[in-house]
Amino acid sequence: MTMDDLEEVIRLDHASFTLPWPESSFRFEIEQNECSRCWVALLDQKIVGIMVAWLIVDEIHIATFAVDPAYRRQGIAQRLLAHTLLDGLQSGGEKGFLEVREGNLPARRLYEKFGFEAIGIRKKYYQDNGENAVMMNLDKPDIVMLESLR
């Protein structure tokens, strides 16, 4: 992800979330946050997926992750997540962490496929509707599996 991608990244974020990130947050992640790993997934030169992850000490923290609604269920999310986790592992990460809406069952199933496990609930985490967030942890990433999915 680069500053040249910002307009499309914002469009995709707004199409995907009821609480999209402000443009300033993406600018910060791209330009200033040394812990940040920002990725886009391209299909026919169109941005169809976005990922921002933070590498904090040994943890790969998924900060935001979305696939354009028109391009879902095509394996884009799986490949983008595998790429991000492998990049983090190659840069010193040893485990993963994220929060996901309790009701977002497709995302939760994807994370479970990668080995993430629910470790707790953040009550009323999402400001738009008070939905809980499920905290998920990945203790031992399977590098062979990640390589096969990338």
N, C-alpha and C. Protein backbone atom coordinates (compact mmCIF):
# COMPACT_ATOMS: atom_id res chain seq x y z
N MET A 1 0.85 -1.17 0.00
CA MET A 1 0.00 0.00 0.00
C MET A 1 0.90 1.23 0.00
N THR A 2 0.58 2.16 -0.88
CA THR A 2 1.31 3.41 -0.94
C THR A 2 0.31 4.57 -0.89
N MET A 3 0.84 5.77 -0.80
CA MET A 3 -0.03 6.95 -0.81
C MET A 3 -0.81 7.04 -2.12
N ASP A 4 -0.27 6.52 -3.20
CA ASP A 4 -0.99 6.52 -4.48
C ASP A 4 -2.24 5.64 -4.43
N ASP A 5 -2.28 4.71 -3.51
CA ASP A 5 -3.42 3.80 -3.36
C ASP A 5 -4.53 4.36 -2.49
N LEU A 6 -4.27 5.47 -1.82
CA LEU A 6 -5.13 5.94 -0.74
C LEU A 6 -6.59 6.11 -1.14
N GLU A 7 -6.86 6.70 -2.28
CA GLU A 7 -8.25 6.93 -2.69
C GLU A 7 -9.02 5.62 -2.81
N GLU A 8 -8.40 4.62 -3.43
CA GLU A 8 -9.05 3.32 -3.58
C GLU A 8 -9.15 2.58 -2.24
N VAL A 9 -8.15 2.72 -1.40
CA VAL A 9 -8.17 2.10 -0.08
C VAL A 9 -9.33 2.66 0.74
N ILE A 10 -9.50 3.97 0.72
CA ILE A 10 -10.60 4.61 1.45
C ILE A 10 -11.95 4.14 0.91
N ARG A 11 -12.07 4.06 -0.42
CA ARG A 11 -13.31 3.58 -1.04
C ARG A 11 -13.64 2.18 -0.55
N LEU A 12 -12.65 1.29 -0.58
CA LEU A 12 -12.87 -0.09 -0.17
C LEU A 12 -13.21 -0.17 1.32
N ASP A 13 -12.52 0.60 2.13
CA ASP A 13 -12.77 0.61 3.57
C ASP A 13 -14.21 1.04 3.86
N HIS A 14 -14.67 2.07 3.17
CA HIS A 14 -16.05 2.55 3.36
C HIS A 14 -17.08 1.54 2.86
N ALA A 15 -16.74 0.80 1.80
CA ALA A 15 -17.66 -0.22 1.29
C ALA A 15 -17.73 -1.44 2.20
N SER A 16 -16.74 -1.59 3.07
CA SER A 16 -16.63 -2.80 3.88
C SER A 16 -17.07 -2.65 5.33
N PHE A 17 -16.97 -1.43 5.87
CA PHE A 17 -17.18 -1.26 7.30
C PHE A 17 -18.18 -0.15 7.64
N THR A 18 -18.93 -0.36 8.70
CA THR A 18 -19.80 0.70 9.21
C THR A 18 -19.01 1.73 10.00
N LEU A 19 -17.80 1.35 10.44
CA LEU A 19 -16.90 2.26 11.14
C LEU A 19 -15.56 2.31 10.39
N PRO A 20 -15.55 2.92 9.20
CA PRO A 20 -14.28 2.95 8.45
C PRO A 20 -13.25 3.83 9.12
N TRP A 21 -12.00 3.56 8.81
CA TRP A 21 -10.92 4.38 9.33
C TRP A 21 -10.94 5.74 8.65
N PRO A 22 -10.56 6.78 9.37
CA PRO A 22 -10.39 8.09 8.70
C PRO A 22 -9.16 8.05 7.80
N GLU A 23 -9.16 8.87 6.78
CA GLU A 23 -8.02 8.93 5.86
C GLU A 23 -6.72 9.18 6.61
N SER A 24 -6.78 10.00 7.65
CA SER A 24 -5.57 10.32 8.41
C SER A 24 -4.94 9.07 9.03
N SER A 25 -5.75 8.10 9.40
CA SER A 25 -5.21 6.86 9.98
C SER A 25 -4.41 6.08 8.94
N PHE A 26 -4.95 5.97 7.74
CA PHE A 26 -4.21 5.28 6.69
C PHE A 26 -2.93 6.04 6.35
N ARG A 27 -3.01 7.37 6.29
CA ARG A 27 -1.81 8.17 6.02
C ARG A 27 -0.74 7.91 7.08
N PHE A 28 -1.15 7.88 8.34
CA PHE A 28 -0.21 7.61 9.43
C PHE A 28 0.43 6.24 9.26
N GLU A 29 -0.38 5.23 8.97
CA GLU A 29 0.15 3.87 8.84
C GLU A 29 1.14 3.77 7.69
N ILE A 30 0.83 4.40 6.57
CA ILE A 30 1.69 4.32 5.39
C ILE A 30 2.98 5.12 5.59
N GLU A 31 2.87 6.31 6.16
CA GLU A 31 4.00 7.23 6.18
C GLU A 31 4.80 7.26 7.48
N GLN A 32 4.17 6.97 8.63
CA GLN A 32 4.84 7.26 9.89
C GLN A 32 5.00 6.08 10.85
N ASN A 33 4.10 5.13 10.84
CA ASN A 33 4.15 4.06 11.83
C ASN A 33 5.19 3.01 11.43
N GLU A 34 6.28 2.97 12.15
CA GLU A 34 7.36 2.03 11.84
C GLU A 34 6.97 0.57 12.09
N CYS A 35 5.95 0.34 12.89
CA CYS A 35 5.48 -1.01 13.17
C CYS A 35 4.52 -1.53 12.09
N SER A 36 4.05 -0.62 11.26
CA SER A 36 2.98 -0.93 10.32
C SER A 36 3.45 -1.68 9.08
N ARG A 37 2.63 -2.64 8.69
CA ARG A 37 2.79 -3.37 7.43
C ARG A 37 1.48 -3.17 6.68
N CYS A 38 1.52 -2.45 5.56
CA CYS A 38 0.31 -2.11 4.81
C CYS A 38 0.35 -2.78 3.45
N TRP A 39 -0.72 -3.51 3.14
CA TRP A 39 -0.77 -4.28 1.90
C TRP A 39 -2.06 -4.01 1.15
N VAL A 40 -2.02 -4.15 -0.16
CA VAL A 40 -3.21 -4.19 -0.99
C VAL A 40 -3.17 -5.46 -1.83
N ALA A 41 -4.33 -5.96 -2.17
CA ALA A 41 -4.46 -7.07 -3.11
C ALA A 41 -4.99 -6.49 -4.41
N LEU A 42 -4.32 -6.81 -5.50
CA LEU A 42 -4.71 -6.30 -6.81
C LEU A 42 -5.28 -7.42 -7.67
N LEU A 43 -6.31 -7.07 -8.44
CA LEU A 43 -6.86 -7.97 -9.44
C LEU A 43 -7.16 -7.11 -10.65
N ASP A 44 -6.52 -7.40 -11.76
CA ASP A 44 -6.66 -6.58 -12.97
C ASP A 44 -6.40 -5.11 -12.68
N GLN A 45 -5.34 -4.84 -11.94
CA GLN A 45 -4.90 -3.48 -11.58
C GLN A 45 -5.90 -2.72 -10.71
N LYS A 46 -6.85 -3.44 -10.12
CA LYS A 46 -7.83 -2.82 -9.22
C LYS A 46 -7.56 -3.32 -7.80
N ILE A 47 -7.60 -2.40 -6.83
CA ILE A 47 -7.43 -2.79 -5.43
C ILE A 47 -8.71 -3.47 -4.96
N VAL A 48 -8.58 -4.75 -4.61
CA VAL A 48 -9.73 -5.53 -4.17
C VAL A 48 -9.61 -6.00 -2.73
N GLY A 49 -8.47 -5.73 -2.11
CA GLY A 49 -8.28 -6.10 -0.72
C GLY A 49 -7.28 -5.18 -0.06
N ILE A 50 -7.46 -4.97 1.25
CA ILE A 50 -6.54 -4.13 2.02
C ILE A 50 -6.23 -4.82 3.34
N MET A 51 -5.02 -4.57 3.82
CA MET A 51 -4.60 -5.13 5.11
C MET A 51 -3.63 -4.16 5.75
N VAL A 52 -3.88 -3.85 7.01
CA VAL A 52 -2.90 -3.14 7.83
C VAL A 52 -2.64 -4.03 9.04
N ALA A 53 -1.38 -4.35 9.23
CA ALA A 53 -0.96 -5.16 10.38
C ALA A 53 0.19 -4.43 11.05
N TRP A 54 0.34 -4.68 12.34
CA TRP A 54 1.44 -4.09 13.10
C TRP A 54 2.33 -5.22 13.60
N LEU A 55 3.62 -5.05 13.42
CA LEU A 55 4.58 -5.98 14.01
C LEU A 55 5.11 -5.32 15.27
N ILE A 56 4.61 -5.79 16.41
CA ILE A 56 4.96 -5.22 17.71
C ILE A 56 5.73 -6.29 18.49
N VAL A 57 7.02 -6.07 18.62
CA VAL A 57 7.95 -7.02 19.23
C VAL A 57 7.85 -8.34 18.47
N ASP A 58 7.14 -9.34 18.99
CA ASP A 58 7.04 -10.63 18.30
C ASP A 58 5.62 -10.95 17.86
N GLU A 59 4.73 -9.95 17.91
CA GLU A 59 3.32 -10.17 17.60
C GLU A 59 2.91 -9.48 16.31
N ILE A 60 2.24 -10.24 15.45
CA ILE A 60 1.66 -9.70 14.23
C ILE A 60 0.19 -9.39 14.56
N HIS A 61 -0.11 -8.11 14.70
CA HIS A 61 -1.45 -7.68 15.10
C HIS A 61 -2.20 -7.21 13.86
N ILE A 62 -3.29 -7.88 13.51
CA ILE A 62 -4.10 -7.47 12.37
C ILE A 62 -4.95 -6.28 12.81
N ALA A 63 -4.69 -5.12 12.22
CA ALA A 63 -5.38 -3.90 12.62
C ALA A 63 -6.65 -3.68 11.82
N THR A 64 -6.58 -3.84 10.52
CA THR A 64 -7.77 -3.77 9.67
C THR A 64 -7.53 -4.62 8.44
N PHE A 65 -8.62 -5.20 7.92
CA PHE A 65 -8.52 -6.19 6.86
C PHE A 65 -9.85 -6.23 6.15
N ALA A 66 -9.85 -6.01 4.85
CA ALA A 66 -11.11 -6.03 4.11
C ALA A 66 -10.88 -6.46 2.67
N VAL A 67 -11.91 -7.08 2.11
CA VAL A 67 -11.94 -7.41 0.69
C VAL A 67 -13.20 -6.75 0.13
N ASP A 68 -13.05 -6.15 -1.05
CA ASP A 68 -14.17 -5.51 -1.72
C ASP A 68 -15.35 -6.49 -1.77
N PRO A 69 -16.55 -6.05 -1.38
CA PRO A 69 -17.71 -6.96 -1.37
C PRO A 69 -17.95 -7.66 -2.71
N ALA A 70 -17.63 -7.01 -3.81
CA ALA A 70 -17.85 -7.62 -5.13
C ALA A 70 -16.85 -8.72 -5.45
N TYR A 71 -15.79 -8.85 -4.64
CA TYR A 71 -14.73 -9.82 -4.92
C TYR A 71 -14.55 -10.84 -3.80
N ARG A 72 -15.52 -10.93 -2.92
CA ARG A 72 -15.40 -11.89 -1.81
C ARG A 72 -15.65 -13.31 -2.30
N ARG A 73 -15.20 -14.26 -1.49
CA ARG A 73 -15.37 -15.70 -1.75
C ARG A 73 -14.60 -16.15 -2.99
N GLN A 74 -13.47 -15.47 -3.25
CA GLN A 74 -12.60 -15.85 -4.37
C GLN A 74 -11.19 -16.18 -3.88
N GLY A 75 -10.99 -16.30 -2.57
CA GLY A 75 -9.70 -16.64 -2.02
C GLY A 75 -8.77 -15.46 -1.81
N ILE A 76 -9.24 -14.25 -2.07
CA ILE A 76 -8.40 -13.06 -1.92
C ILE A 76 -8.04 -12.85 -0.46
N ALA A 77 -9.01 -12.96 0.43
CA ALA A 77 -8.74 -12.76 1.87
C ALA A 77 -7.73 -13.79 2.37
N GLN A 78 -7.90 -15.01 1.95
CA GLN A 78 -7.00 -16.08 2.37
C GLN A 78 -5.57 -15.79 1.94
N ARG A 79 -5.39 -15.39 0.69
CA ARG A 79 -4.04 -15.11 0.19
C ARG A 79 -3.44 -13.89 0.86
N LEU A 80 -4.25 -12.86 1.08
CA LEU A 80 -3.75 -11.64 1.71
C LEU A 80 -3.35 -11.90 3.16
N LEU A 81 -4.15 -12.66 3.88
CA LEU A 81 -3.82 -13.00 5.26
C LEU A 81 -2.56 -13.86 5.32
N ALA A 82 -2.46 -14.85 4.44
CA ALA A 82 -1.26 -15.70 4.41
C ALA A 82 -0.02 -14.86 4.12
N HIS A 83 -0.11 -13.97 3.15
CA HIS A 83 1.03 -13.12 2.80
C HIS A 83 1.45 -12.25 3.99
N THR A 84 0.48 -11.65 4.66
CA THR A 84 0.76 -10.77 5.80
C THR A 84 1.42 -11.53 6.94
N LEU A 85 0.88 -12.70 7.25
CA LEU A 85 1.45 -13.50 8.34
C LEU A 85 2.86 -13.97 8.00
N LEU A 86 3.07 -14.40 6.76
CA LEU A 86 4.42 -14.83 6.36
C LEU A 86 5.40 -13.67 6.43
N ASP A 87 5.00 -12.50 5.96
CA ASP A 87 5.86 -11.33 6.04
C ASP A 87 6.22 -11.04 7.50
N GLY A 88 5.23 -11.09 8.37
CA GLY A 88 5.49 -10.84 9.79
C GLY A 88 6.42 -11.87 10.40
N LEU A 89 6.23 -13.13 10.05
CA LEU A 89 7.09 -14.19 10.57
C LEU A 89 8.53 -14.02 10.08
N GLN A 90 8.68 -13.65 8.82
CA GLN A 90 10.02 -13.44 8.27
C GLN A 90 10.71 -12.22 8.86
N SER A 91 9.92 -11.34 9.48
CA SER A 91 10.48 -10.12 10.08
C SER A 91 10.59 -10.22 11.59
N GLY A 92 10.41 -11.40 12.15
CA GLY A 92 10.60 -11.59 13.58
C GLY A 92 9.35 -11.87 14.38
N GLY A 93 8.20 -11.84 13.75
CA GLY A 93 6.97 -12.18 14.45
C GLY A 93 6.92 -13.67 14.77
N GLU A 94 6.26 -13.98 15.86
CA GLU A 94 6.15 -15.39 16.27
C GLU A 94 4.71 -15.81 16.50
N LYS A 95 3.81 -14.85 16.63
CA LYS A 95 2.40 -15.16 16.90
C LYS A 95 1.54 -14.05 16.31
N GLY A 96 0.25 -14.31 16.25
CA GLY A 96 -0.69 -13.33 15.70
C GLY A 96 -1.78 -12.99 16.69
N PHE A 97 -2.40 -11.83 16.46
CA PHE A 97 -3.50 -11.39 17.31
C PHE A 97 -4.43 -10.51 16.48
N LEU A 98 -5.73 -10.56 16.80
CA LEU A 98 -6.71 -9.69 16.16
C LEU A 98 -7.98 -9.65 16.99
N GLU A 99 -8.82 -8.68 16.65
CA GLU A 99 -10.18 -8.61 17.16
C GLU A 99 -11.12 -8.64 15.97
N VAL A 100 -12.23 -9.35 16.11
CA VAL A 100 -13.20 -9.47 15.03
C VAL A 100 -14.61 -9.38 15.64
N ARG A 101 -15.52 -8.80 14.87
CA ARG A 101 -16.91 -8.72 15.36
C ARG A 101 -17.42 -10.13 15.67
N GLU A 102 -18.10 -10.22 16.80
CA GLU A 102 -18.63 -11.51 17.22
C GLU A 102 -19.54 -12.12 16.16
N GLY A 103 -20.31 -11.28 15.48
CA GLY A 103 -21.25 -11.77 14.47
C GLY A 103 -20.66 -11.98 13.09
N ASN A 104 -19.39 -11.69 12.89
CA ASN A 104 -18.77 -11.85 11.58
C ASN A 104 -18.26 -13.29 11.42
N LEU A 105 -19.19 -14.20 11.22
CA LEU A 105 -18.85 -15.62 11.18
C LEU A 105 -17.94 -15.99 10.01
N PRO A 106 -18.13 -15.41 8.80
CA PRO A 106 -17.19 -15.76 7.72
C PRO A 106 -15.74 -15.40 8.08
N ALA A 107 -15.52 -14.24 8.66
CA ALA A 107 -14.16 -13.84 9.05
C ALA A 107 -13.63 -14.75 10.15
N ARG A 108 -14.46 -15.06 11.11
CA ARG A 108 -14.01 -15.93 12.20
C ARG A 108 -13.62 -17.31 11.69
N ARG A 109 -14.39 -17.84 10.73
CA ARG A 109 -14.06 -19.14 10.15
C ARG A 109 -12.73 -19.08 9.40
N LEU A 110 -12.49 -17.97 8.68
CA LEU A 110 -11.22 -17.82 7.98
C LEU A 110 -10.07 -17.83 8.98
N TYR A 111 -10.19 -17.05 10.04
CA TYR A 111 -9.12 -16.99 11.04
C TYR A 111 -8.90 -18.35 11.70
N GLU A 112 -9.98 -19.07 11.97
CA GLU A 112 -9.84 -20.40 12.57
C GLU A 112 -9.12 -21.35 11.62
N LYS A 113 -9.38 -21.22 10.33
CA LYS A 113 -8.70 -22.05 9.34
C LYS A 113 -7.18 -21.85 9.42
N PHE A 114 -6.76 -20.65 9.77
CA PHE A 114 -5.34 -20.33 9.90
C PHE A 114 -4.77 -20.73 11.26
N GLY A 115 -5.63 -21.18 12.16
CA GLY A 115 -5.16 -21.60 13.48
C GLY A 115 -5.42 -20.61 14.59
N PHE A 116 -6.06 -19.49 14.29
CA PHE A 116 -6.40 -18.53 15.34
C PHE A 116 -7.44 -19.17 16.26
N GLU A 117 -7.31 -18.88 17.54
CA GLU A 117 -8.26 -19.38 18.54
C GLU A 117 -8.81 -18.22 19.34
N ALA A 118 -10.11 -18.29 19.65
CA ALA A 118 -10.75 -17.27 20.48
C ALA A 118 -10.17 -17.35 21.89
N ILE A 119 -9.76 -16.19 22.41
CA ILE A 119 -9.17 -16.17 23.76
C ILE A 119 -9.93 -15.26 24.72
N GLY A 120 -10.94 -14.57 24.20
CA GLY A 120 -11.71 -13.69 25.07
C GLY A 120 -12.65 -12.81 24.28
N ILE A 121 -13.41 -12.03 25.03
CA ILE A 121 -14.41 -11.13 24.45
C ILE A 121 -14.14 -9.71 24.97
N ARG A 122 -14.21 -8.75 24.08
CA ARG A 122 -14.23 -7.34 24.49
C ARG A 122 -15.68 -6.89 24.37
N LYS A 123 -16.31 -6.71 25.51
CA LYS A 123 -17.73 -6.37 25.57
C LYS A 123 -17.99 -4.99 24.95
N LYS A 124 -19.03 -4.93 24.13
CA LYS A 124 -19.50 -3.67 23.52
C LYS A 124 -18.36 -2.88 22.87
N TYR A 125 -17.49 -3.57 22.18
CA TYR A 125 -16.28 -2.98 21.60
C TYR A 125 -16.58 -2.03 20.44
N TYR A 126 -17.56 -2.38 19.62
CA TYR A 126 -17.84 -1.58 18.43
C TYR A 126 -18.86 -0.48 18.73
N GLN A 127 -18.45 0.75 18.44
CA GLN A 127 -19.24 1.92 18.82
C GLN A 127 -20.52 2.07 18.02
N ASP A 128 -20.58 1.54 16.80
CA ASP A 128 -21.77 1.76 15.98
C ASP A 128 -22.99 1.00 16.50
N ASN A 129 -22.78 -0.18 17.06
CA ASN A 129 -23.93 -0.96 17.53
C ASN A 129 -23.70 -1.68 18.86
N GLY A 130 -22.55 -1.44 19.48
CA GLY A 130 -22.26 -2.07 20.76
C GLY A 130 -21.94 -3.55 20.68
N GLU A 131 -21.65 -4.04 19.48
CA GLU A 131 -21.34 -5.46 19.32
C GLU A 131 -20.02 -5.80 20.02
N ASN A 132 -19.97 -7.02 20.53
CA ASN A 132 -18.75 -7.51 21.15
C ASN A 132 -17.70 -7.83 20.09
N ALA A 133 -16.44 -7.78 20.50
CA ALA A 133 -15.34 -8.24 19.66
C ALA A 133 -14.79 -9.53 20.26
N VAL A 134 -14.49 -10.47 19.40
CA VAL A 134 -13.83 -11.69 19.83
C VAL A 134 -12.33 -11.47 19.63
N MET A 135 -11.57 -11.65 20.69
CA MET A 135 -10.11 -11.58 20.59
C MET A 135 -9.62 -12.96 20.17
N MET A 136 -8.75 -12.97 19.15
CA MET A 136 -8.25 -14.24 18.64
C MET A 136 -6.72 -14.21 18.61
N ASN A 137 -6.13 -15.32 18.97
CA ASN A 137 -4.69 -15.44 19.06
C ASN A 137 -4.21 -16.60 18.19
N LEU A 138 -3.05 -16.44 17.58
CA LEU A 138 -2.41 -17.49 16.80
C LEU A 138 -1.04 -17.71 17.42
N ASP A 139 -0.91 -18.80 18.18
CA ASP A 139 0.33 -19.05 18.91
C ASP A 139 1.43 -19.68 18.06
N LYS A 140 1.09 -20.61 17.21
CA LYS A 140 2.09 -21.33 16.43
C LYS A 140 1.69 -21.35 14.96
N PRO A 141 2.01 -20.30 14.24
CA PRO A 141 1.65 -20.27 12.81
C PRO A 141 2.29 -21.43 12.06
N ASP A 142 1.52 -22.04 11.17
CA ASP A 142 1.98 -23.15 10.35
C ASP A 142 2.56 -22.58 9.06
N ILE A 143 3.87 -22.46 8.99
CA ILE A 143 4.53 -21.82 7.85
C ILE A 143 4.27 -22.59 6.56
N VAL A 144 4.27 -23.90 6.61
CA VAL A 144 4.02 -24.71 5.40
C VAL A 144 2.62 -24.43 4.89
N MET A 145 1.64 -24.39 5.77
CA MET A 145 0.26 -24.11 5.36
C MET A 145 0.16 -22.70 4.80
N LEU A 146 0.80 -21.72 5.44
CA LEU A 146 0.76 -20.34 4.97
C LEU A 146 1.35 -20.23 3.57
N GLU A 147 2.48 -20.89 3.35
CA GLU A 147 3.10 -20.88 2.01
C GLU A 147 2.16 -21.45 0.96
N SER A 148 1.43 -22.50 1.31
CA SER A 148 0.53 -23.13 0.34
C SER A 148 -0.68 -22.27 0.02
N LEU A 149 -1.04 -21.37 0.92
CA LEU A 149 -2.22 -20.51 0.71
C LEU A 149 -1.87 -19.19 0.04
N ARG A 150 -0.63 -18.82 0.07
CA ARG A 150 -0.21 -17.55 -0.52
C ARG A 150 -0.22 -17.69 -2.00
